[in-house]
Amino acid sequence: MAGVLPGCLKPAPPPPGVVYSVSALTRGADGRPKQQGEVTSVAAAVVDDVQELAYEGQSILVQVRKTEYGKAIFEVTFPDKSRQRVAVKTGESAAVLPKGQKLGLRIEVQEAR
């Protein structure tokens, strides 16, 4: 009998995407970033998905630009419309608060594929 033997099928790989969280940052009196507000979790985001992070009437846009196993690249658009790209590895976080910006964010990647 020809055919596929039970147990020999490979499971389908999980779809590409990233699971991450973001939180607002402001610069403290000592010049160091301080977390503000709640942490927002984003599950199963794919390339081109956009998350808006609002804080005190301002907002930052976080767009997924690329995902690969163990790392994701995001494009962050600040309230003044300036942009910055940041790569974050799984299990790590990145604080993005450039000079001249009053509002920034922290991105933490839980899973990337």
PDB file of N, CA and C in Angstrom:
ATOM      1  N   MET A   1       0.839  -1.159   0.000  1.00  0.00           N
ATOM      2  CA  MET A   1       0.000   0.000   0.000  1.00  0.00           C
ATOM      3  C   MET A   1       0.891   1.231   0.000  1.00  0.00           C
ATOM      4  N   ALA A   2       0.769   2.042  -1.026  1.00  0.00           N
ATOM      5  CA  ALA A   2       1.578   3.249  -1.140  1.00  0.00           C
ATOM      6  C   ALA A   2       0.865   4.408  -0.465  1.00  0.00           C
ATOM      7  N   GLY A   3       1.630   5.352   0.031  1.00  0.00           N
ATOM      8  CA  GLY A   3       1.022   6.528   0.672  1.00  0.00           C
ATOM      9  C   GLY A   3       1.943   7.097   1.724  1.00  0.00           C
ATOM     10  N   VAL A   4       1.397   7.953   2.481  1.00  0.00           N
ATOM     11  CA  VAL A   4       2.163   8.608   3.536  1.00  0.00           C
ATOM     12  C   VAL A   4       1.993   7.810   4.823  1.00  0.00           C
ATOM     13  N   LEU A   5       3.113   7.562   5.490  1.00  0.00           N
ATOM     14  CA  LEU A   5       3.042   6.839   6.752  1.00  0.00           C
ATOM     15  C   LEU A   5       2.592   7.778   7.866  1.00  0.00           C
ATOM     16  N   PRO A   6       1.752   7.297   8.772  1.00  0.00           N
ATOM     17  CA  PRO A   6       1.311   8.145   9.882  1.00  0.00           C
ATOM     18  C   PRO A   6       2.521   8.625  10.685  1.00  0.00           C
ATOM     19  N   GLY A   7       2.471   9.852  11.119  1.00  0.00           N
ATOM     20  CA  GLY A   7       3.551  10.412  11.915  1.00  0.00           C
ATOM     21  C   GLY A   7       4.698  10.973  11.096  1.00  0.00           C
ATOM     22  N   CYS A   8       4.645  10.866   9.785  1.00  0.00           N
ATOM     23  CA  CYS A   8       5.728  11.354   8.940  1.00  0.00           C
ATOM     24  C   CYS A   8       5.451  12.739   8.356  1.00  0.00           C
ATOM     25  N   LEU A   9       4.275  13.250   8.594  1.00  0.00           N
ATOM     26  CA  LEU A   9       3.956  14.579   8.070  1.00  0.00           C
ATOM     27  C   LEU A   9       4.624  15.641   8.921  1.00  0.00           C
ATOM     28  N   LYS A  10       5.223  16.606   8.278  1.00  0.00           N
ATOM     29  CA  LYS A  10       5.826  17.709   9.005  1.00  0.00           C
ATOM     30  C   LYS A  10       4.742  18.733   9.315  1.00  0.00           C
ATOM     31  N   PRO A  11       4.726  19.227  10.544  1.00  0.00           N
ATOM     32  CA  PRO A  11       3.730  20.262  10.844  1.00  0.00           C
ATOM     33  C   PRO A  11       4.068  21.539  10.069  1.00  0.00           C
ATOM     34  N   ALA A  12       3.038  22.276   9.738  1.00  0.00           N
ATOM     35  CA  ALA A  12       3.253  23.535   9.014  1.00  0.00           C
ATOM     36  C   ALA A  12       3.966  24.510   9.944  1.00  0.00           C
ATOM     37  N   PRO A  13       4.923  25.259   9.409  1.00  0.00           N
ATOM     38  CA  PRO A  13       5.611  26.237  10.259  1.00  0.00           C
ATOM     39  C   PRO A  13       4.630  27.334  10.666  1.00  0.00           C
ATOM     40  N   PRO A  14       4.862  27.940  11.829  1.00  0.00           N
ATOM     41  CA  PRO A  14       3.959  29.017  12.233  1.00  0.00           C
ATOM     42  C   PRO A  14       4.061  30.180  11.245  1.00  0.00           C
ATOM     43  N   PRO A  15       2.986  30.913  11.063  1.00  0.00           N
ATOM     44  CA  PRO A  15       3.031  32.032  10.125  1.00  0.00           C
ATOM     45  C   PRO A  15       4.002  33.104  10.632  1.00  0.00           C
ATOM     46  N   PRO A  16       4.596  33.887   9.717  1.00  0.00           N
ATOM     47  CA  PRO A  16       5.509  34.934  10.141  1.00  0.00           C
ATOM     48  C   PRO A  16       4.767  35.989  10.949  1.00  0.00           C
ATOM     49  N   GLY A  17       5.455  36.563  11.895  1.00  0.00           N
ATOM     50  CA  GLY A  17       4.856  37.610  12.708  1.00  0.00           C
ATOM     51  C   GLY A  17       5.673  37.875  13.948  1.00  0.00           C
ATOM     52  N   VAL A  18       5.164  38.778  14.772  1.00  0.00           N
ATOM     53  CA  VAL A  18       5.871  39.156  15.990  1.00  0.00           C
ATOM     54  C   VAL A  18       4.870  39.421  17.104  1.00  0.00           C
ATOM     55  N   VAL A  19       5.225  39.012  18.306  1.00  0.00           N
ATOM     56  CA  VAL A  19       4.461  39.311  19.508  1.00  0.00           C
ATOM     57  C   VAL A  19       5.329  40.272  20.308  1.00  0.00           C
ATOM     58  N   TYR A  20       4.782  41.458  20.610  1.00  0.00           N
ATOM     59  CA  TYR A  20       5.593  42.451  21.311  1.00  0.00           C
ATOM     60  C   TYR A  20       4.731  43.319  22.217  1.00  0.00           C
ATOM     61  N   SER A  21       5.396  44.115  23.045  1.00  0.00           N
ATOM     62  CA  SER A  21       4.695  45.083  23.883  1.00  0.00           C
ATOM     63  C   SER A  21       5.382  46.432  23.762  1.00  0.00           C
ATOM     64  N   VAL A  22       4.611  47.494  23.956  1.00  0.00           N
ATOM     65  CA  VAL A  22       5.144  48.856  23.891  1.00  0.00           C
ATOM     66  C   VAL A  22       4.628  49.657  25.086  1.00  0.00           C
ATOM     67  N   SER A  23       5.439  50.597  25.522  1.00  0.00           N
ATOM     68  CA  SER A  23       5.025  51.518  26.580  1.00  0.00           C
ATOM     69  C   SER A  23       5.654  52.879  26.305  1.00  0.00           C
ATOM     70  N   ALA A  24       4.955  53.936  26.730  1.00  0.00           N
ATOM     71  CA  ALA A  24       5.427  55.303  26.518  1.00  0.00           C
ATOM     72  C   ALA A  24       6.588  55.616  27.459  1.00  0.00           C
ATOM     73  N   LEU A  25       7.519  56.432  26.973  1.00  0.00           N
ATOM     74  CA  LEU A  25       8.650  56.902  27.765  1.00  0.00           C
ATOM     75  C   LEU A  25       8.718  58.416  27.676  1.00  0.00           C
ATOM     76  N   THR A  26       9.114  59.047  28.770  1.00  0.00           N
ATOM     77  CA  THR A  26       9.463  60.466  28.755  1.00  0.00           C
ATOM     78  C   THR A  26      10.843  60.580  29.390  1.00  0.00           C
ATOM     79  N   ARG A  27      11.491  61.703  29.174  1.00  0.00           N
ATOM     80  CA  ARG A  27      12.815  61.913  29.747  1.00  0.00           C
ATOM     81  C   ARG A  27      12.648  62.492  31.150  1.00  0.00           C
ATOM     82  N   GLY A  28      13.221  61.831  32.149  1.00  0.00           N
ATOM     83  CA  GLY A  28      13.144  62.294  33.521  1.00  0.00           C
ATOM     84  C   GLY A  28      14.074  63.475  33.763  1.00  0.00           C
ATOM     85  N   ALA A  29      13.994  64.044  34.959  1.00  0.00           N
ATOM     86  CA  ALA A  29      14.841  65.185  35.322  1.00  0.00           C
ATOM     87  C   ALA A  29      16.330  64.838  35.242  1.00  0.00           C
ATOM     88  N   ASP A  30      16.650  63.567  35.454  1.00  0.00           N
ATOM     89  CA  ASP A  30      18.049  63.127  35.380  1.00  0.00           C
ATOM     90  C   ASP A  30      18.485  62.804  33.954  1.00  0.00           C
ATOM     91  N   GLY A  31      17.573  62.985  32.976  1.00  0.00           N
ATOM     92  CA  GLY A  31      17.898  62.725  31.573  1.00  0.00           C
ATOM     93  C   GLY A  31      17.661  61.292  31.137  1.00  0.00           C
ATOM     94  N   ARG A  32      17.303  60.423  32.064  1.00  0.00           N
ATOM     95  CA  ARG A  32      17.083  59.014  31.729  1.00  0.00           C
ATOM     96  C   ARG A  32      15.615  58.776  31.383  1.00  0.00           C
ATOM     97  N   PRO A  33      15.335  57.809  30.504  1.00  0.00           N
ATOM     98  CA  PRO A  33      13.946  57.510  30.134  1.00  0.00           C
ATOM     99  C   PRO A  33      13.155  56.961  31.324  1.00  0.00           C
ATOM    100  N   LYS A  34      11.893  57.416  31.468  1.00  0.00           N
ATOM    101  CA  LYS A  34      10.983  56.936  32.500  1.00  0.00           C
ATOM    102  C   LYS A  34       9.721  56.410  31.835  1.00  0.00           C
ATOM    103  N   GLN A  35       9.315  55.204  32.227  1.00  0.00           N
ATOM    104  CA  GLN A  35       8.094  54.623  31.664  1.00  0.00           C
ATOM    105  C   GLN A  35       6.876  55.388  32.162  1.00  0.00           C
ATOM    106  N   GLN A  36       5.929  55.607  31.251  1.00  0.00           N
ATOM    107  CA  GLN A  36       4.688  56.311  31.567  1.00  0.00           C
ATOM    108  C   GLN A  36       3.514  55.452  31.111  1.00  0.00           C
ATOM    109  N   GLY A  37       2.459  55.424  31.898  1.00  0.00           N
ATOM    110  CA  GLY A  37       1.241  54.746  31.476  1.00  0.00           C
ATOM    111  C   GLY A  37       1.365  53.235  31.447  1.00  0.00           C
ATOM    112  N   GLU A  38       0.381  52.645  30.797  1.00  0.00           N
ATOM    113  CA  GLU A  38       0.253  51.195  30.720  1.00  0.00           C
ATOM    114  C   GLU A  38       1.110  50.601  29.605  1.00  0.00           C
ATOM    115  N   VAL A  39       1.445  49.335  29.773  1.00  0.00           N
ATOM    116  CA  VAL A  39       2.118  48.569  28.725  1.00  0.00           C
ATOM    117  C   VAL A  39       1.036  47.998  27.817  1.00  0.00           C
ATOM    118  N   THR A  40       1.194  48.172  26.510  1.00  0.00           N
ATOM    119  CA  THR A  40       0.249  47.643  25.531  1.00  0.00           C
ATOM    120  C   THR A  40       0.870  46.423  24.864  1.00  0.00           C
ATOM    121  N   SER A  41       0.164  45.296  24.894  1.00  0.00           N
ATOM    122  CA  SER A  41       0.646  44.073  24.251  1.00  0.00           C
ATOM    123  C   SER A  41       0.024  43.933  22.874  1.00  0.00           C
ATOM    124  N   VAL A  42       0.834  43.494  21.923  1.00  0.00           N
ATOM    125  CA  VAL A  42       0.378  43.290  20.552  1.00  0.00           C
ATOM    126  C   VAL A  42       0.698  41.839  20.180  1.00  0.00           C
ATOM    127  N   ALA A  43      -0.333  41.069  19.841  1.00  0.00           N
ATOM    128  CA  ALA A  43      -0.142  39.660  19.508  1.00  0.00           C
ATOM    129  C   ALA A  43      -0.261  39.449  18.007  1.00  0.00           C
ATOM    130  N   ALA A  44       0.615  38.651  17.470  1.00  0.00           N
ATOM    131  CA  ALA A  44       0.557  38.202  16.081  1.00  0.00           C
ATOM    132  C   ALA A  44       0.540  39.338  15.063  1.00  0.00           C
ATOM    133  N   ALA A  45       1.381  40.347  15.246  1.00  0.00           N
ATOM    134  CA  ALA A  45       1.492  41.423  14.260  1.00  0.00           C
ATOM    135  C   ALA A  45       2.343  40.940  13.085  1.00  0.00           C
ATOM    136  N   VAL A  46       1.963  41.364  11.893  1.00  0.00           N
ATOM    137  CA  VAL A  46       2.710  41.003  10.696  1.00  0.00           C
ATOM    138  C   VAL A  46       3.255  42.269  10.039  1.00  0.00           C
ATOM    139  N   VAL A  47       4.081  42.093   9.029  1.00  0.00           N
ATOM    140  CA  VAL A  47       4.683  43.219   8.327  1.00  0.00           C
ATOM    141  C   VAL A  47       3.603  44.199   7.869  1.00  0.00           C
ATOM    142  N   ASP A  48       3.863  45.470   8.081  1.00  0.00           N
ATOM    143  CA  ASP A  48       3.005  46.610   7.750  1.00  0.00           C
ATOM    144  C   ASP A  48       1.915  46.886   8.782  1.00  0.00           C
ATOM    145  N   ASP A  49       1.740  46.023   9.799  1.00  0.00           N
ATOM    146  CA  ASP A  49       0.785  46.334  10.864  1.00  0.00           C
ATOM    147  C   ASP A  49       1.275  47.559  11.629  1.00  0.00           C
ATOM    148  N   VAL A  50       0.337  48.424  12.027  1.00  0.00           N
ATOM    149  CA  VAL A  50       0.666  49.650  12.745  1.00  0.00           C
ATOM    150  C   VAL A  50      -0.055  49.655  14.091  1.00  0.00           C
ATOM    151  N   GLN A  51       0.677  50.009  15.127  1.00  0.00           N
ATOM    152  CA  GLN A  51       0.117  50.162  16.466  1.00  0.00           C
ATOM    153  C   GLN A  51       0.299  51.618  16.877  1.00  0.00           C
ATOM    154  N   GLU A  52      -0.764  52.252  17.353  1.00  0.00           N
ATOM    155  CA  GLU A  52      -0.669  53.631  17.824  1.00  0.00           C
ATOM    156  C   GLU A  52      -0.537  53.627  19.340  1.00  0.00           C
ATOM    157  N   LEU A  53       0.439  54.358  19.845  1.00  0.00           N
ATOM    158  CA  LEU A  53       0.655  54.497  21.273  1.00  0.00           C
ATOM    159  C   LEU A  53       0.376  55.950  21.630  1.00  0.00           C
ATOM    160  N   ALA A  54      -0.697  56.190  22.396  1.00  0.00           N
ATOM    161  CA  ALA A  54      -1.094  57.553  22.748  1.00  0.00           C
ATOM    162  C   ALA A  54      -0.721  57.847  24.197  1.00  0.00           C
ATOM    163  N   TYR A  55      -0.253  59.086  24.426  1.00  0.00           N
ATOM    164  CA  TYR A  55       0.081  59.523  25.772  1.00  0.00           C
ATOM    165  C   TYR A  55      -0.061  61.036  25.839  1.00  0.00           C
ATOM    166  N   GLU A  56      -0.918  61.515  26.746  1.00  0.00           N
ATOM    167  CA  GLU A  56      -1.143  62.942  26.979  1.00  0.00           C
ATOM    168  C   GLU A  56      -1.339  63.750  25.689  1.00  0.00           C
ATOM    169  N   GLY A  57      -2.245  63.285  24.853  1.00  0.00           N
ATOM    170  CA  GLY A  57      -2.603  64.016  23.650  1.00  0.00           C
ATOM    171  C   GLY A  57      -1.635  63.875  22.486  1.00  0.00           C
ATOM    172  N   GLN A  58      -0.570  63.130  22.663  1.00  0.00           N
ATOM    173  CA  GLN A  58       0.382  62.885  21.575  1.00  0.00           C
ATOM    174  C   GLN A  58       0.329  61.407  21.225  1.00  0.00           C
ATOM    175  N   SER A  59       0.777  61.090  20.034  1.00  0.00           N
ATOM    176  CA  SER A  59       0.810  59.672  19.675  1.00  0.00           C
ATOM    177  C   SER A  59       2.062  59.347  18.880  1.00  0.00           C
ATOM    178  N   ILE A  60       2.470  58.110  19.047  1.00  0.00           N
ATOM    179  CA  ILE A  60       3.605  57.537  18.320  1.00  0.00           C
ATOM    180  C   ILE A  60       3.059  56.349  17.555  1.00  0.00           C
ATOM    181  N   LEU A  61       3.469  56.204  16.304  1.00  0.00           N
ATOM    182  CA  LEU A  61       3.072  55.050  15.505  1.00  0.00           C
ATOM    183  C   LEU A  61       4.225  54.064  15.445  1.00  0.00           C
ATOM    184  N   VAL A  62       3.911  52.798  15.622  1.00  0.00           N
ATOM    185  CA  VAL A  62       4.905  51.725  15.551  1.00  0.00           C
ATOM    186  C   VAL A  62       4.469  50.794  14.435  1.00  0.00           C
ATOM    187  N   GLN A  63       5.293  50.697  13.395  1.00  0.00           N
ATOM    188  CA  GLN A  63       4.961  49.844  12.257  1.00  0.00           C
ATOM    189  C   GLN A  63       5.970  48.711  12.157  1.00  0.00           C
ATOM    190  N   VAL A  64       5.463  47.491  12.000  1.00  0.00           N
ATOM    191  CA  VAL A  64       6.327  46.330  11.805  1.00  0.00           C
ATOM    192  C   VAL A  64       6.863  46.393  10.378  1.00  0.00           C
ATOM    193  N   ARG A  65       8.172  46.399  10.225  1.00  0.00           N
ATOM    194  CA  ARG A  65       8.788  46.471   8.901  1.00  0.00           C
ATOM    195  C   ARG A  65       9.321  45.132   8.420  1.00  0.00           C
ATOM    196  N   LYS A  66       9.800  44.298   9.358  1.00  0.00           N
ATOM    197  CA  LYS A  66      10.346  42.997   8.962  1.00  0.00           C
ATOM    198  C   LYS A  66      10.329  42.078  10.175  1.00  0.00           C
ATOM    199  N   THR A  67      10.016  40.810   9.935  1.00  0.00           N
ATOM    200  CA  THR A  67      10.121  39.811  10.986  1.00  0.00           C
ATOM    201  C   THR A  67      10.938  38.645  10.460  1.00  0.00           C
ATOM    202  N   GLU A  68      11.723  38.085  11.333  1.00  0.00           N
ATOM    203  CA  GLU A  68      12.475  36.887  11.008  1.00  0.00           C
ATOM    204  C   GLU A  68      12.672  36.136  12.314  1.00  0.00           C
ATOM    205  N   TYR A  69      13.128  34.914  12.214  1.00  0.00           N
ATOM    206  CA  TYR A  69      13.270  34.121  13.424  1.00  0.00           C
ATOM    207  C   TYR A  69      14.200  34.828  14.403  1.00  0.00           C
ATOM    208  N   GLY A  70      13.657  35.184  15.574  1.00  0.00           N
ATOM    209  CA  GLY A  70      14.468  35.767  16.632  1.00  0.00           C
ATOM    210  C   GLY A  70      14.662  37.267  16.591  1.00  0.00           C
ATOM    211  N   LYS A  71      14.056  37.973  15.617  1.00  0.00           N
ATOM    212  CA  LYS A  71      14.270  39.419  15.530  1.00  0.00           C
ATOM    213  C   LYS A  71      13.145  40.075  14.731  1.00  0.00           C
ATOM    214  N   ALA A  72      12.836  41.324  15.102  1.00  0.00           N
ATOM    215  CA  ALA A  72      11.860  42.110  14.348  1.00  0.00           C
ATOM    216  C   ALA A  72      12.408  43.521  14.177  1.00  0.00           C
ATOM    217  N   ILE A  73      12.045  44.144  13.056  1.00  0.00           N
ATOM    218  CA  ILE A  73      12.441  45.526  12.788  1.00  0.00           C
ATOM    219  C   ILE A  73      11.175  46.373  12.740  1.00  0.00           C
ATOM    220  N   PHE A  74      11.211  47.481  13.476  1.00  0.00           N
ATOM    221  CA  PHE A  74      10.075  48.387  13.579  1.00  0.00           C
ATOM    222  C   PHE A  74      10.467  49.763  13.059  1.00  0.00           C
ATOM    223  N   GLU A  75       9.493  50.489  12.519  1.00  0.00           N
ATOM    224  CA  GLU A  75       9.683  51.896  12.180  1.00  0.00           C
ATOM    225  C   GLU A  75       8.794  52.700  13.117  1.00  0.00           C
ATOM    226  N   VAL A  76       9.417  53.619  13.852  1.00  0.00           N
ATOM    227  CA  VAL A  76       8.717  54.432  14.839  1.00  0.00           C
ATOM    228  C   VAL A  76       8.551  55.840  14.273  1.00  0.00           C
ATOM    229  N   THR A  77       7.309  56.347  14.261  1.00  0.00           N
ATOM    230  CA  THR A  77       7.025  57.716  13.815  1.00  0.00           C
ATOM    231  C   THR A  77       6.608  58.524  15.042  1.00  0.00           C
ATOM    232  N   PHE A  78       7.371  59.570  15.333  1.00  0.00           N
ATOM    233  CA  PHE A  78       7.161  60.404  16.515  1.00  0.00           C
ATOM    234  C   PHE A  78       6.129  61.495  16.235  1.00  0.00           C
ATOM    235  N   PRO A  79       5.652  62.181  17.292  1.00  0.00           N
ATOM    236  CA  PRO A  79       4.642  63.225  17.101  1.00  0.00           C
ATOM    237  C   PRO A  79       5.054  64.315  16.105  1.00  0.00           C
ATOM    238  N   ASP A  80       6.361  64.605  15.995  1.00  0.00           N
ATOM    239  CA  ASP A  80       6.815  65.633  15.041  1.00  0.00           C
ATOM    240  C   ASP A  80       7.010  65.072  13.630  1.00  0.00           C
ATOM    241  N   LYS A  81       6.575  63.825  13.405  1.00  0.00           N
ATOM    242  CA  LYS A  81       6.630  63.118  12.115  1.00  0.00           C
ATOM    243  C   LYS A  81       8.029  62.613  11.750  1.00  0.00           C
ATOM    244  N   SER A  82       9.019  62.781  12.631  1.00  0.00           N
ATOM    245  CA  SER A  82      10.327  62.189  12.371  1.00  0.00           C
ATOM    246  C   SER A  82      10.215  60.682  12.574  1.00  0.00           C
ATOM    247  N   ARG A  83      11.121  59.936  11.931  1.00  0.00           N
ATOM    248  CA  ARG A  83      11.058  58.477  11.972  1.00  0.00           C
ATOM    249  C   ARG A  83      12.397  57.896  12.371  1.00  0.00           C
ATOM    250  N   GLN A  84      12.307  56.714  12.970  1.00  0.00           N
ATOM    251  CA  GLN A  84      13.513  55.974  13.331  1.00  0.00           C
ATOM    252  C   GLN A  84      13.212  54.491  13.239  1.00  0.00           C
ATOM    253  N   ARG A  85      14.170  53.727  12.728  1.00  0.00           N
ATOM    254  CA  ARG A  85      14.030  52.267  12.677  1.00  0.00           C
ATOM    255  C   ARG A  85      14.797  51.657  13.833  1.00  0.00           C
ATOM    256  N   VAL A  86      14.241  50.580  14.370  1.00  0.00           N
ATOM    257  CA  VAL A  86      14.884  49.892  15.481  1.00  0.00           C
ATOM    258  C   VAL A  86      14.683  48.385  15.309  1.00  0.00           C
ATOM    259  N   ALA A  87      15.753  47.623  15.534  1.00  0.00           N
ATOM    260  CA  ALA A  87      15.697  46.165  15.492  1.00  0.00           C
ATOM    261  C   ALA A  87      15.755  45.655  16.925  1.00  0.00           C
ATOM    262  N   VAL A  88      14.867  44.707  17.240  1.00  0.00           N
ATOM    263  CA  VAL A  88      14.807  44.162  18.592  1.00  0.00           C
ATOM    264  C   VAL A  88      14.796  42.642  18.503  1.00  0.00           C
ATOM    265  N   LYS A  89      15.684  41.997  19.268  1.00  0.00           N
ATOM    266  CA  LYS A  89      15.745  40.541  19.303  1.00  0.00           C
ATOM    267  C   LYS A  89      14.727  39.989  20.292  1.00  0.00           C
ATOM    268  N   THR A  90      14.310  38.761  20.073  1.00  0.00           N
ATOM    269  CA  THR A  90      13.383  38.090  20.975  1.00  0.00           C
ATOM    270  C   THR A  90      13.972  38.061  22.382  1.00  0.00           C
ATOM    271  N   GLY A  91      13.126  38.419  23.372  1.00  0.00           N
ATOM    272  CA  GLY A  91      13.557  38.417  24.759  1.00  0.00           C
ATOM    273  C   GLY A  91      14.265  39.685  25.190  1.00  0.00           C
ATOM    274  N   GLU A  92      14.416  40.641  24.267  1.00  0.00           N
ATOM    275  CA  GLU A  92      15.091  41.892  24.589  1.00  0.00           C
ATOM    276  C   GLU A  92      14.143  43.065  24.403  1.00  0.00           C
ATOM    277  N   SER A  93      14.566  44.223  24.903  1.00  0.00           N
ATOM    278  CA  SER A  93      13.776  45.434  24.724  1.00  0.00           C
ATOM    279  C   SER A  93      14.687  46.558  24.247  1.00  0.00           C
ATOM    280  N   ALA A  94      14.075  47.585  23.687  1.00  0.00           N
ATOM    281  CA  ALA A  94      14.819  48.755  23.224  1.00  0.00           C
ATOM    282  C   ALA A  94      14.045  50.003  23.616  1.00  0.00           C
ATOM    283  N   ALA A  95      14.760  50.965  24.203  1.00  0.00           N
ATOM    284  CA  ALA A  95      14.171  52.265  24.518  1.00  0.00           C
ATOM    285  C   ALA A  95      14.496  53.200  23.362  1.00  0.00           C
ATOM    286  N   VAL A  96      13.482  53.855  22.823  1.00  0.00           N
ATOM    287  CA  VAL A  96      13.653  54.759  21.684  1.00  0.00           C
ATOM    288  C   VAL A  96      13.159  56.142  22.121  1.00  0.00           C
ATOM    289  N   LEU A  97      14.088  57.020  22.456  1.00  0.00           N
ATOM    290  CA  LEU A  97      13.775  58.377  22.892  1.00  0.00           C
ATOM    291  C   LEU A  97      14.901  59.296  22.413  1.00  0.00           C
ATOM    292  N   PRO A  98      14.861  59.665  21.121  1.00  0.00           N
ATOM    293  CA  PRO A  98      15.928  60.469  20.548  1.00  0.00           C
ATOM    294  C   PRO A  98      16.007  61.862  21.165  1.00  0.00           C
ATOM    295  N   LYS A  99      17.176  62.481  21.058  1.00  0.00           N
ATOM    296  CA  LYS A  99      17.347  63.864  21.521  1.00  0.00           C
ATOM    297  C   LYS A  99      16.320  64.750  20.845  1.00  0.00           C
ATOM    298  N   GLY A 100      15.785  65.672  21.603  1.00  0.00           N
ATOM    299  CA  GLY A 100      14.807  66.599  21.061  1.00  0.00           C
ATOM    300  C   GLY A 100      13.381  66.103  21.143  1.00  0.00           C
ATOM    301  N   GLN A 101      13.196  64.820  21.433  1.00  0.00           N
ATOM    302  CA  GLN A 101      11.843  64.266  21.556  1.00  0.00           C
ATOM    303  C   GLN A 101      11.444  64.237  23.029  1.00  0.00           C
ATOM    304  N   LYS A 102      10.228  64.663  23.324  1.00  0.00           N
ATOM    305  CA  LYS A 102       9.726  64.612  24.695  1.00  0.00           C
ATOM    306  C   LYS A 102       9.059  63.277  24.981  1.00  0.00           C
ATOM    307  N   LEU A 103       8.614  62.611  23.933  1.00  0.00           N
ATOM    308  CA  LEU A 103       7.911  61.345  24.074  1.00  0.00           C
ATOM    309  C   LEU A 103       8.625  60.276  23.255  1.00  0.00           C
ATOM    310  N   GLY A 104       8.813  59.132  23.856  1.00  0.00           N
ATOM    311  CA  GLY A 104       9.428  57.998  23.173  1.00  0.00           C
ATOM    312  C   GLY A 104       8.710  56.734  23.588  1.00  0.00           C
ATOM    313  N   LEU A 105       9.344  55.590  23.336  1.00  0.00           N
ATOM    314  CA  LEU A 105       8.714  54.330  23.724  1.00  0.00           C
ATOM    315  C   LEU A 105       9.746  53.256  23.978  1.00  0.00           C
ATOM    316  N   ARG A 106       9.270  52.223  24.653  1.00  0.00           N
ATOM    317  CA  ARG A 106      10.071  51.017  24.859  1.00  0.00           C
ATOM    318  C   ARG A 106       9.338  49.894  24.137  1.00  0.00           C
ATOM    319  N   ILE A 107      10.080  49.142  23.337  1.00  0.00           N
ATOM    320  CA  ILE A 107       9.526  47.985  22.624  1.00  0.00           C
ATOM    321  C   ILE A 107      10.204  46.739  23.189  1.00  0.00           C
ATOM    322  N   GLU A 108       9.401  45.746  23.549  1.00  0.00           N
ATOM    323  CA  GLU A 108       9.939  44.475  24.001  1.00  0.00           C
ATOM    324  C   GLU A 108       9.338  43.372  23.144  1.00  0.00           C
ATOM    325  N   VAL A 109      10.199  42.535  22.569  1.00  0.00           N
ATOM    326  CA  VAL A 109       9.755  41.449  21.690  1.00  0.00           C
ATOM    327  C   VAL A 109       9.716  40.148  22.477  1.00  0.00           C
ATOM    328  N   GLN A 110       8.551  39.519  22.518  1.00  0.00           N
ATOM    329  CA  GLN A 110       8.406  38.248  23.189  1.00  0.00           C
ATOM    330  C   GLN A 110       8.672  37.075  22.216  1.00  0.00           C
ATOM    331  N   GLU A 111       8.251  37.253  20.955  1.00  0.00           N
ATOM    332  CA  GLU A 111       8.424  36.191  19.964  1.00  0.00           C
ATOM    333  C   GLU A 111       8.473  36.792  18.581  1.00  0.00           C
ATOM    334  N   ALA A 112       9.404  36.335  17.759  1.00  0.00           N
ATOM    335  CA  ALA A 112       9.483  36.789  16.368  1.00  0.00           C
ATOM    336  C   ALA A 112       9.761  35.585  15.478  1.00  0.00           C
ATOM    337  N   ARG A 113       9.050  35.563  14.346  1.00  0.00           N
ATOM    338  CA  ARG A 113       9.232  34.455  13.389  1.00  0.00           C
ATOM    339  C   ARG A 113       8.951  34.919  11.996  1.00  0.00           C
TER     340      ARG A 113
END
